[in-house]
């Protein structure tokens, strides 16, 4: 099948694709099979191509419906989405590669780091070939001394200079050349770089197939795929269309608006760093703090203290960093349920202090998914306590890394605020309330005690090429001024729904902030439910509860399809979102630490009366005598 057939099909697909393909930032769980997430979308997309490419019109009636019903591609925009999959599929077809061998990034440098990471763990040597100049963000010295990656840089005039090598040969080239370049066995990876859109990595040969999932995982945890808007631009160029109107360029006015909004919301004086996703920001924080420690606390062990049941991306990323750097270790921090965050922090800090190590604590407040807030004054006291090493010396003061995604409106950092006396970095996933679910960008900011850390964080954000895209900044500039009002409105509706559930089903355990905490400014619009269960044995009760969970979620979504949705996100502009953390956000969390409960996220705009009615119907149908 020729390239014109492919181009014709893509033209028709682009003209008929669902709006969500360009705008949705989280996956639809109703069309999502996690075990097949990396293949199912393209398998069925290729079936559509095979069925339609030979027809006279290039397509049959009903293509819009067929495209809309395709299964979810990957999970979240970070790992991939429909347009990135189609772009990769089109390039793979032109290069006679499997689609999985082509991987897009919004970053120009992260595919290089992904290959280097895999080779570090495999003790495999690497040569990086380039013509003219390296990507602007590439910092070979930092990649060697901080990340621990080993490689040789080789400048060449043409590709004939690349010879067979007992290791990995990476060729860096311009994006357009990657399309036309002939692949030969001497080149293991081709990375085509576009300064506006990001990059495409081609994995060449079966001997390198083991790198594919590792590169994809870096994209999932430390970066993002090329964004839908940028993929659409590249695909339109491929088929000969012009979309100049959607080419968004860097606008200093948008940047100023976003930075000013973050300062106002957080009540801080320092400029924020804004990245392409919340996890991209977290990665810059982690690597920046590793860099800072190696500069300032030479020879000290570095301990990242992390809750084992926190959001899966946070947990997984921390362990991935520790796996690559010899003097970095993850220490578990139990925080939910019967565990007390303050007591757990005290215990962990005592342990780290005795070892004369550097302590970095990553914690969510409120916690996810049980929406718990520690006693903040006791937390501040625990973080400010001067501890001693086994040698009787003062231990290094910890840095508190606060994931404030659930309550980004709470001011904790400025002089006089609860965490002003503790070195604190606060970060937020922008796919939640900052953007209203319209983009994945995230940001971080420091208090005055930690301001020296921001230069390190910002540097690593740039080295990784993980800064927010111009379109993301445009979306944040538009959405952030209304964020606090949306948070307040969403909380009010959530509080009324929670009160109704407690009155209707008093045997259920609701995990939500108290009214006293809400009075202190903690006004999330997410809560979780432990439904009352029954059974002879513990396992019977657990099985029955899980069945009830699914019945509740399915009933809400089936009865209110215009508002209630299968989704793991939070902070959207409209609707109500239902999930089970154990099978979504905690995907990489250890089984024993997972939460098989229902998590609900409410927006400022939903039909509260209808949701109450359907919940009451659920109780009468599945629980019976619930009073």
Foldseek 3Di string as FASTA:
>chain_A
DDLVLLLLLLVVCLVQADPCQQFFFWFFPVQDDQVCQAPQQVVQVVVLSVVQSPDPNSHDPPVNVSNVNRGFHHGGQLLHGDLQLSLLVSLCVLQVHDSLQKFAFQAQCLLVVLQQLVCLLVVFEEEEEEEDDDPPLADPVCCCPQLVGHYHYHYDDDPVPQDADRGAYEYEEAQVCSSVDHDDPSHQKYWHADPAFHIMIGGDDPVRVVSSVSSSVCSVQAGGGRRSLSSVCVSCVVSPHHDVVSRFAADVVLQVLLQVLLCVLQVADDGKFKFQAQSNLVVLLVSLVSVVCCVPVNPAAEEEEEALQAFQSVNVVQVSSPVRDPRYYYHHQHPDDPHPRLVSLLVVVQVSQQRLHAYEYEAEALTPPLNDHHPLLSNLVSQPDFYHYVVGHTHDRYEYEYADAQFSNQHADEVPHSCVVHWYKYKYFCCALLLQNRGGMIMIDTHPVNSVSVVSSNSSSSSRSGGHRSVRSVSSSVRSVCRVVFLVLLLVLLVVLVVLCCVLFVVKDKRHDDVVVVVSPNRGNKIWIQHAADDDDPVRRVVRSLVLLVLLLVLLCVQCVVAEGDTDGEHHAGHKYKDQCQVPRNVVRDPVSGGRIIMMYTTSYDDSVVSSVSVSVSCCVRVNPRD
